[in-house]
Protein backbone atom coordinates (compact mmCIF):
# COMPACT_ATOMS: atom_id res chain seq x y z
CA MET A 1 9.63 -2.02 57.41
CA ARG A 2 11.07 -5.34 58.55
CA VAL A 3 9.37 -7.56 61.09
CA PRO A 4 11.84 -9.16 63.53
CA LEU A 5 11.60 -12.83 62.66
CA LEU A 6 13.22 -14.23 65.81
CA PRO A 7 10.19 -13.55 68.06
CA VAL A 8 7.90 -14.98 65.39
CA MET A 9 10.01 -18.13 65.07
CA ILE A 10 10.04 -18.55 68.87
CA LEU A 11 6.24 -18.25 68.93
CA LEU A 12 5.92 -20.84 66.18
CA ALA A 13 8.36 -23.21 67.90
CA VAL A 14 6.47 -22.95 71.20
CA GLY A 15 3.22 -23.50 69.31
CA LEU A 16 4.55 -26.66 67.63
CA LEU A 17 5.71 -28.03 70.98
CA VAL A 18 2.35 -27.34 72.62
CA ASP A 19 0.48 -28.89 69.68
CA TRP A 20 2.66 -32.00 69.82
CA TYR A 21 1.97 -32.41 73.53
CA LEU A 22 -1.78 -31.80 73.22
CA ASN A 23 -2.09 -34.21 70.31
CA ARG A 24 -0.42 -36.94 72.38
CA ARG A 25 -2.70 -36.22 75.33
CA MET A 26 -5.82 -36.24 73.18
CA ALA A 27 -4.82 -39.60 71.70
CA ARG A 28 -4.15 -40.99 75.17
CA GLU A 29 -7.49 -39.68 76.48
CA GLY A 30 -9.36 -41.32 73.62
CA VAL A 31 -10.36 -38.19 71.71
CA SER A 32 -11.67 -39.23 68.30
CA ARG A 33 -9.37 -39.15 65.30
CA MET A 34 -11.65 -36.61 63.58
CA TRP A 35 -11.22 -34.03 66.39
CA ARG A 36 -7.49 -34.59 66.49
CA LYS A 37 -7.32 -33.98 62.73
CA ILE A 38 -9.37 -30.78 63.09
CA HIS A 39 -6.98 -29.62 65.79
CA GLN A 40 -3.99 -30.31 63.57
CA VAL A 41 -5.50 -28.53 60.56
CA VAL A 42 -6.42 -25.41 62.59
CA ALA A 43 -2.93 -25.35 64.10
CA ALA A 44 -1.29 -25.66 60.67
CA VAL A 45 -3.44 -22.87 59.17
CA ALA A 46 -2.76 -20.52 62.10
CA SER A 47 0.98 -21.14 61.98
CA ALA A 48 1.17 -20.73 58.20
CA ALA A 49 -0.87 -17.51 58.32
CA LEU A 50 1.40 -15.96 60.94
CA LEU A 51 4.55 -16.95 59.06
CA ILE A 52 3.28 -15.68 55.70
CA VAL A 53 2.12 -12.32 57.08
CA ALA A 54 5.35 -11.88 59.05
CA VAL A 55 7.70 -12.52 56.12
CA ALA A 56 5.64 -10.72 53.45
CA PRO A 57 7.40 -7.54 52.19
CA LYS A 58 6.11 -4.35 53.81
CA LYS A 59 6.66 -0.67 53.23
CA ALA A 60 7.26 1.70 56.12
CA ALA A 61 4.18 3.72 55.16
CA ASP A 62 1.93 0.65 54.80
CA ASP A 63 -0.39 0.96 57.79
CA GLU A 64 -2.73 -1.68 56.36
CA SER A 65 0.03 -4.32 56.39
CA LEU A 66 0.92 -3.39 59.95
CA ALA A 67 -2.73 -3.72 61.00
CA LEU A 68 -2.95 -7.12 59.27
CA LEU A 69 0.15 -8.27 61.13
CA MET A 70 -1.26 -7.14 64.49
CA TRP A 71 -4.58 -8.88 63.90
CA THR A 72 -2.86 -12.06 62.69
CA LEU A 73 -0.59 -12.08 65.71
CA PHE A 74 -3.54 -11.49 68.02
CA ALA A 75 -5.54 -14.30 66.39
CA TYR A 76 -2.56 -16.64 66.77
CA MET A 77 -2.12 -15.70 70.42
CA SER A 78 -5.84 -16.13 71.06
CA LEU A 79 -5.43 -19.76 70.00
CA TYR A 80 -2.09 -20.55 71.59
CA LEU A 81 -2.30 -18.76 74.93
CA PRO A 82 -5.36 -20.84 75.89
CA LYS A 83 -3.63 -23.98 74.60
CA CYS A 84 -0.50 -23.19 76.62
CA LEU A 85 -2.59 -22.78 79.77
CA ALA A 86 -4.37 -26.08 79.05
CA ALA A 87 -1.03 -27.79 78.54
CA VAL A 88 0.26 -26.43 81.87
CA ILE A 89 -2.81 -27.78 83.70
CA MET A 90 -2.31 -31.18 82.09
CA LEU A 91 1.39 -31.20 82.95
CA VAL A 92 0.51 -30.42 86.57
CA GLN A 93 -1.95 -33.32 86.48
CA GLN A 94 0.79 -35.60 85.18
CA GLY A 95 3.28 -34.36 87.77
CA ILE A 96 0.93 -34.86 90.71
CA GLY A 97 -0.07 -38.27 89.34
CA PHE A 98 3.59 -39.28 89.07
CA ILE A 99 4.25 -38.28 92.68
CA THR A 100 1.07 -39.68 94.24
CA HIS A 101 0.53 -42.61 91.85
CA ARG A 102 -3.06 -41.46 91.46
CA LYS A 103 -4.80 -40.06 88.42
CA LEU A 104 -6.49 -36.76 89.14
CA LYS A 105 -9.97 -36.71 87.64
CA GLY A 106 -11.54 -33.69 86.01
CA MET A 107 -8.28 -31.95 85.08
CA GLY A 108 -8.95 -32.41 81.37
CA ILE A 109 -12.32 -30.70 81.75
CA ALA A 110 -10.72 -27.93 83.84
CA ALA A 111 -8.08 -27.40 81.15
CA ALA A 112 -10.76 -27.16 78.45
CA VAL A 113 -12.84 -24.71 80.51
CA VAL A 114 -9.82 -22.47 81.15
CA ALA A 115 -8.78 -22.55 77.49
CA VAL A 116 -12.24 -21.71 76.16
CA SER A 117 -12.73 -18.96 78.79
CA VAL A 118 -9.44 -17.25 77.91
CA PHE A 119 -10.21 -17.49 74.17
CA ILE A 120 -13.62 -15.87 74.70
CA LEU A 121 -12.15 -13.21 76.99
CA MET A 122 -9.55 -12.21 74.40
CA TRP A 123 -12.08 -11.86 71.60
CA TRP A 124 -14.52 -10.03 73.89
CA GLY A 125 -11.72 -7.53 74.43
CA ALA A 126 -11.11 -7.22 70.68
CA LEU A 127 -14.66 -7.08 69.36
CA ILE A 128 -16.71 -5.56 72.18
CA ASN A 129 -14.87 -4.04 75.11
CA ARG A 130 -12.47 -1.87 73.13
CA PHE A 131 -15.52 -0.03 71.78
CA SER A 132 -17.12 0.44 75.20
CA ILE A 133 -16.81 3.69 77.17
CA ASP A 134 -16.22 3.96 80.91
CA VAL A 135 -16.99 7.37 82.43
CA LYS A 136 -15.20 7.73 85.76
CA GLU A 137 -16.27 10.61 87.98
CA VAL A 138 -13.68 11.73 90.50
CA GLU A 139 -13.65 14.53 93.07
CA VAL A 140 -10.23 15.99 93.90
CA ASP A 141 -9.70 18.13 97.00
CA ILE A 142 -7.20 20.92 96.41
CA PRO A 143 -5.92 23.05 99.29
CA GLY A 144 -6.17 26.75 98.55
CA LEU A 145 -8.39 26.32 95.50
CA PRO A 146 -10.02 29.71 94.76
CA ALA A 147 -13.71 29.77 95.60
CA SER A 148 -14.84 30.37 92.02
CA PHE A 149 -13.14 27.12 90.95
CA ASP A 150 -14.84 25.01 93.63
CA GLY A 151 -16.88 22.55 91.53
CA TYR A 152 -14.86 23.23 88.36
CA ARG A 153 -15.22 20.23 86.03
CA ILE A 154 -12.38 18.87 83.91
CA ALA A 155 -13.05 16.17 81.31
CA GLN A 156 -9.82 14.26 80.71
CA ILE A 157 -9.27 12.02 77.69
CA SER A 158 -6.01 10.43 76.65
CA ASP A 159 -4.21 8.10 74.25
CA ILE A 160 -6.75 8.13 71.42
CA HIS A 161 -4.29 6.53 68.95
CA THR A 162 -6.42 7.37 65.92
CA GLY A 163 -4.48 4.89 63.80
CA THR A 164 -6.35 2.25 65.79
CA TYR A 165 -9.54 3.03 63.89
CA GLY A 166 -8.37 3.48 60.29
CA ASN A 167 -10.93 5.79 58.70
CA ASP A 168 -13.90 4.75 60.84
CA THR A 169 -15.12 7.69 62.93
CA THR A 170 -18.02 5.80 64.58
CA PHE A 171 -16.44 5.13 67.96
CA LEU A 172 -14.77 8.51 68.36
CA LYS A 173 -18.05 10.22 67.44
CA ARG A 174 -19.60 8.39 70.41
CA VAL A 175 -16.69 9.52 72.58
CA VAL A 176 -17.19 13.15 71.51
CA ASP A 177 -20.92 12.99 72.20
CA CYS A 178 -20.28 11.44 75.61
CA VAL A 179 -17.71 14.08 76.62
CA ASN A 180 -19.91 16.94 75.43
CA GLY A 181 -22.85 15.41 77.29
CA LEU A 182 -20.92 15.74 80.56
CA ASN A 183 -20.91 19.54 80.05
CA PRO A 184 -17.38 20.05 81.41
CA ASP A 185 -15.85 23.47 82.02
CA ILE A 186 -12.70 22.41 80.17
CA ILE A 187 -11.43 19.36 78.26
CA MET A 188 -7.83 18.18 78.64
CA PHE A 189 -6.20 15.65 76.32
CA THR A 190 -3.00 14.16 77.74
CA GLY A 191 -1.22 12.96 74.62
CA ASP A 192 -0.81 10.20 72.01
CA ILE A 193 -3.37 11.23 69.43
CA VAL A 194 -1.69 9.02 66.78
CA ASN A 195 0.35 5.81 66.63
CA ARG A 196 3.14 6.65 64.18
CA HIS A 197 2.45 9.70 62.00
CA SER A 198 0.11 12.65 61.60
CA THR A 199 -1.76 11.27 58.57
CA GLU A 200 -3.66 8.97 60.94
CA LEU A 201 -5.39 12.00 62.46
CA GLU A 202 -6.70 13.48 59.21
CA PRO A 203 -9.96 11.42 59.01
CA PHE A 204 -10.86 12.47 62.55
CA VAL A 205 -10.22 16.21 62.44
CA ASN A 206 -13.86 17.11 61.93
CA THR A 207 -15.08 14.61 64.52
CA LEU A 208 -12.66 15.59 67.28
CA GLY A 209 -13.17 19.25 66.39
CA GLN A 210 -16.72 18.89 67.72
CA LEU A 211 -15.49 18.63 71.33
CA LYS A 212 -16.79 21.68 73.18
CA ALA A 213 -16.29 23.18 76.63
CA LYS A 214 -16.63 26.64 78.16
CA ASP A 215 -12.87 27.07 78.51
CA GLY A 216 -11.96 25.06 75.43
CA VAL A 217 -9.91 21.95 74.69
CA LEU A 218 -6.25 21.74 75.74
CA SER A 219 -3.74 19.11 74.69
CA VAL A 220 -0.11 18.03 75.05
CA MET A 221 2.19 15.78 73.06
CA GLY A 222 2.62 12.09 73.93
CA ASN A 223 5.55 9.86 73.02
CA HIS A 224 3.78 8.51 69.90
CA ASP A 225 3.10 12.02 68.57
CA TYR A 226 6.73 12.69 67.60
CA GLY A 227 6.95 10.04 64.87
CA ASP A 228 9.67 8.13 66.70
CA TYR A 229 8.12 4.77 65.71
CA TYR A 230 8.13 5.50 61.99
CA VAL A 231 10.87 5.24 59.36
CA TRP A 232 11.33 8.74 57.92
CA PRO A 233 13.28 9.58 54.74
CA SER A 234 14.98 12.45 56.61
CA PRO A 235 14.97 14.26 59.98
CA GLU A 236 13.29 17.18 58.24
CA ALA A 237 10.38 14.95 57.20
CA ARG A 238 9.79 13.96 60.84
CA LEU A 239 9.82 17.58 61.99
CA GLN A 240 7.38 18.47 59.22
CA ASP A 241 5.09 15.67 60.38
CA ILE A 242 5.12 17.04 63.94
CA GLU A 243 4.21 20.46 62.57
CA ASN A 244 1.39 18.91 60.54
CA LEU A 245 0.06 17.19 63.67
CA GLN A 246 0.06 20.41 65.63
CA ASN A 247 -1.59 22.29 62.76
CA MET A 248 -4.36 19.70 62.60
CA GLN A 249 -5.04 20.12 66.30
CA ALA A 250 -5.25 23.87 65.74
CA ARG A 251 -7.80 23.21 62.97
CA MET A 252 -9.76 21.15 65.49
CA GLY A 253 -9.91 24.20 67.76
CA TRP A 254 -7.63 22.60 70.35
CA ARG A 255 -4.98 24.63 72.11
CA MET A 256 -1.69 22.83 72.54
CA LEU A 257 0.41 23.64 75.60
CA ASN A 258 3.89 22.66 74.44
CA ASN A 259 6.00 23.60 77.48
CA GLU A 260 3.60 26.49 78.08
CA HIS A 261 0.95 27.54 80.55
CA MET A 262 -2.30 29.48 80.58
CA ILE A 263 -4.22 31.16 83.36
CA LEU A 264 -7.95 30.59 83.86
CA ARG A 265 -9.73 33.53 85.44
CA GLY A 266 -12.66 33.25 87.83
CA ASN A 267 -14.08 35.93 90.11
CA PRO A 268 -11.87 38.98 90.62
CA GLY A 269 -8.62 37.80 92.17
CA ASP A 270 -9.31 34.10 91.50
CA SER A 271 -7.19 32.16 89.03
CA LEU A 272 -6.12 28.63 88.16
CA VAL A 273 -2.92 27.91 86.26
CA VAL A 274 -2.90 25.12 83.68
CA ILE A 275 0.55 23.90 82.61
CA GLY A 276 1.32 21.64 79.67
CA VAL A 277 4.65 19.94 79.04
CA GLU A 278 5.76 17.95 76.04
CA ASN A 279 6.54 14.30 76.68
CA ILE A 280 8.84 13.63 79.63
CA GLY A 281 9.32 9.87 79.72
CA ASP A 282 11.32 7.17 81.38
CA HIS A 283 13.72 5.04 79.32
CA PRO A 284 13.40 4.27 76.42
CA PHE A 285 11.02 7.18 75.80
CA PRO A 286 12.76 10.45 74.82
CA VAL A 287 12.46 13.62 76.89
CA TYR A 288 11.05 16.59 74.99
CA GLY A 289 9.38 18.48 77.80
CA SER A 290 10.55 21.01 80.36
CA LEU A 291 8.51 21.95 83.42
CA SER A 292 10.80 24.86 84.23
CA LYS A 293 10.32 26.26 80.73
CA ALA A 294 6.57 25.78 80.89
CA TYR A 295 6.30 27.58 84.24
CA PRO A 296 9.56 28.99 85.64
CA GLU A 297 8.20 29.89 89.09
CA ILE A 298 6.99 26.37 89.82
CA SER A 299 7.35 26.80 93.60
CA ASP A 300 5.06 29.82 93.84
CA LYS A 301 1.73 29.69 95.69
CA SER A 302 -0.59 29.69 92.68
CA VAL A 303 -2.83 26.64 92.31
CA LYS A 304 -1.69 24.63 89.31
CA VAL A 305 -2.96 21.74 87.20
CA LEU A 306 -0.29 20.05 85.09
CA MET A 307 -0.82 18.03 81.91
CA SER A 308 2.06 15.58 81.46
CA HIS A 309 1.67 12.48 79.31
CA ASN A 310 3.82 9.99 81.24
CA PRO A 311 3.00 9.47 84.96
CA ARG A 312 6.67 8.71 85.67
CA HIS A 313 7.28 12.46 85.34
CA TRP A 314 5.15 13.00 88.45
CA VAL A 315 6.80 10.12 90.32
CA ASP A 316 10.35 11.19 89.45
CA SER A 317 10.17 14.99 89.56
CA ILE A 318 7.06 16.21 91.39
CA ALA A 319 5.79 13.84 94.10
CA GLY A 320 7.06 14.69 97.58
CA ARG A 321 9.04 17.75 96.46
CA GLU A 322 8.30 20.89 98.43
CA ASP A 323 9.96 23.06 95.76
CA VAL A 324 7.53 21.87 93.07
CA ASN A 325 4.08 23.19 93.92
CA VAL A 326 1.68 21.40 91.53
CA ALA A 327 -1.67 20.55 93.09
CA LEU A 328 -2.89 18.11 90.43
CA THR A 329 -1.15 16.34 87.58
CA LEU A 330 -3.08 14.62 84.79
CA ALA A 331 -1.36 11.85 82.82
CA GLY A 332 -2.08 8.90 80.52
CA HIS A 333 0.34 6.66 78.63
CA THR A 334 -0.01 3.35 80.50
CA HIS A 335 -3.26 2.03 78.90
CA ALA A 336 -3.20 -0.30 81.94
CA MET A 337 -1.33 -2.38 79.35
CA GLN A 338 -4.85 -2.89 77.88
CA ILE A 339 -5.47 -5.59 80.49
CA GLU A 340 -7.34 -4.93 83.73
CA LEU A 341 -9.43 -7.53 85.51
CA PHE A 342 -10.90 -7.13 89.00
CA GLY A 343 -8.89 -3.96 89.49
CA LEU A 344 -5.59 -5.71 88.72
CA SER A 345 -3.31 -4.99 85.78
CA PRO A 346 0.13 -6.19 84.69
CA ALA A 347 0.94 -2.50 84.20
CA VAL A 348 1.77 -2.35 87.92
CA TYR A 349 5.06 -4.14 87.20
CA ARG A 350 6.15 -1.22 85.00
CA TYR A 351 4.24 1.70 86.52
CA LYS A 352 3.18 1.84 90.16
CA THR A 353 0.92 4.73 89.16
CA TRP A 354 -0.78 2.99 86.23
CA GLY A 355 -4.43 4.07 86.58
CA GLY A 356 -6.60 6.17 88.87
CA LEU A 357 -5.90 8.74 91.60
CA TYR A 358 -2.64 8.81 93.58
CA PRO A 359 -1.62 11.24 96.38
CA ASP A 360 1.89 12.06 97.51
CA SER A 361 3.13 12.78 101.05
CA LEU A 362 2.38 16.50 100.65
CA GLY A 363 -1.21 16.09 99.49
CA ARG A 364 -0.50 16.77 95.81
CA LYS A 365 -2.27 14.36 93.48
CA LEU A 366 -1.83 12.49 90.20
CA TYR A 367 -4.64 11.13 88.07
CA VAL A 368 -3.76 8.56 85.39
CA ASN A 369 -6.34 8.03 82.64
CA ILE A 370 -5.95 4.60 80.97
CA GLY A 371 -6.82 5.97 77.54
CA MET A 372 -9.02 5.23 74.55
CA GLY A 373 -7.13 3.43 71.81
CA GLU A 374 -4.73 0.55 71.48
CA VAL A 375 -1.12 -0.09 70.58
CA GLY A 376 0.18 -3.56 69.75
CA ILE A 377 -2.74 -5.88 70.41
CA PRO A 378 -6.06 -4.65 68.95
CA ALA A 379 -7.96 -5.40 72.17
CA ARG A 380 -8.76 -4.13 75.64
CA ILE A 381 -9.23 -7.05 77.99
CA GLY A 382 -10.88 -5.06 80.70
CA ALA A 383 -9.11 -1.66 80.78
CA THR A 384 -12.25 -0.18 79.16
CA PRO A 385 -11.68 3.08 77.22
CA GLU A 386 -11.89 5.86 79.78
CA ILE A 387 -13.35 9.33 79.99
CA THR A 388 -12.60 10.96 83.33
CA LEU A 389 -14.74 13.75 84.78
CA ILE A 390 -12.71 15.43 87.51
CA THR A 391 -14.47 17.86 89.84
CA LEU A 392 -12.20 20.18 91.79
CA ARG A 393 -13.12 20.88 95.41
CA SER A 394 -11.80 23.42 97.89
CA LYS A 395 -10.23 21.87 100.96
């Protein structure tokens, strides 16, 4: 497994430039030589650590090395993103001073406050918030919902990414206890149970197997569950890994709906169809799923709930289409890009439907759960791990 060195070298070059500028400013502002030396030493250690970890030889199967790289990169960014913001504030101060011939006071303090606040926020996301749990309770009105399913409760979880936690089951045990404590009628998992390969799930089989609901636990495949981000010795090895993943979920007592459907029965004559498709993603994510295969008569009048990992499937192929009668679609995938503050997330620039409940022009709805685990940065800056309790209501 090779780490692309160009992005790392760009990061280091930007860091050196920012450090050079800040050192000059600190000298000009009269900061003591001792503090400037400390700043230089910390910068040198951070840069050397990132370079060493990035260039160190790694094996494709070495998850520990990958985790070390992610944490080192995050630590580096937690130092240099605040410094970049401080440098921008100081450059603005210089620019305004050059134009107005006046020195703006307090900008140095403002730069320091911003830098320290961002540093704290990033490490709060890494050490505290990513282990928090946010239970969101949502009522969804569904036209034509059979009377015996009025008040039916669905607990949705998504994007666990068990590789996030190594072998530590502590957090997911809390998640299981929280979901079970909601006493849902059914539990639906909308994909991405691992990061790269099925072995990540093994330590959590017993823990996740404790999820319980009257109508069981259903799941679908997410883009990470196919091993597409791993270097396999052969195509057959990847297919075997997918089979292993599905077998482990069967051991957990979960029922996978891989381009399939099931019918929930209520009072005589009442039913609710649950459809599950394999991953149907936008570029560059491969398409494995088929809604027509999962439920050929998709335009019929039965009330349907669809589990589809990527919300773009709903946007592209379901929303606003009279020939696709799906009352509610449940998705995950976005993670809100693991950043959500004051209801705002950069995920909106990639996915307009990045988190929460969305209706279409025909009254059909999509709910996007922002997930549990992490990919890339080992933090959730806001975007608290989510359990959704959806109550269906007749309309």
